[in-house]
């Protein structure tokens, strides 16, 4: 699980975001800490948001809980992400995202 992963997200309305998930620390019990950085465009303005990430691995299921989102580029309000994923292989996870406002989409995370 440790290392850098590529993240691709598409919402139900067609909104897209992509970026990286850098898993930096194994904190035990199937849990890991990392940093999630996503880039996207909103209203014609390019934006980039960084979140802290807590990953929990249980067999082939992985959850990624984002927290403390901060804009690195652009400004606005960003709701932390929550991914529910299934491991497809050692290099690929797929699943859904639900942010704190309940908006959902499809996410694919692949090892960089």
Foldseek 3Di string as FASTA:
>chain_A
DAAKKKKWWAFPVGFIKIDIWHFHADPDPQKTKTKTKIWGDDPNAIWIKIWIWIWHDDPQWIKIWTDDIDTPGDDDDDFTKIWIWGHPDPFKIKGKIQTPVGTMTIMIMGHD
